[in-house]
Amino acid sequence: MTTEKPERTAETGSRPESVTIRHSGVKSVEADQVTFRQGGAVRVIADTVQLQQGGILLAQAEKTTVTSGSIAAAIADSAALELSTAAVVVAADARIDQCAGGLLVAETVEAHDSAIGLLVARDFKGSGNRVLFSSWSALALGIGVGVGLALAGLLRRRA
């Protein structure tokens, strides 16, 4: 188990430049660059996050890269996932390859051979994908459920 974790300097209050975590886990880490190799964290705040064969609960970064890992929530300018799973990804630019995702919200998405639960994107490119709900089908489902619940409420009041 190896953890290289420079501490925040008291004089400047600045965060460490680079943190590498191998075969270990941490509750929270904040640095310019955070790299995980078979490790994980609950919360990561960084300019760049790289994760290989590990897991992160929440990652906030300018650039997030996940390979053969799992992430619950990623908020990033650029997110790249390969052979990974993600519950929620919110990014300006998202690239996924052979991944499974619950909610993917991005301005541009490039996806290949992936499964996505709900996709909200301005520009979508890719091949071999399965999307359960696009933004339009999710809107239609929401309207249908809303109308159905309203009718059920009216019928219940009359009975």
Foldseek 3Di string as FASTA:
>chain_A
DDWDADCQDPVPSAFAAETEAECEEEAEHEHQEYEYHCYEYAEYEYQEYEYENEEYAEYEHQEYEYECYEYAEYEYQEYEYEVYEYAYYAYQEYEYECYEYEEYHYAEYEYELYEYAEYEYVYYHYDNYHYNYYPVRVVVVVVVVVVVVVVVVVVVVVD
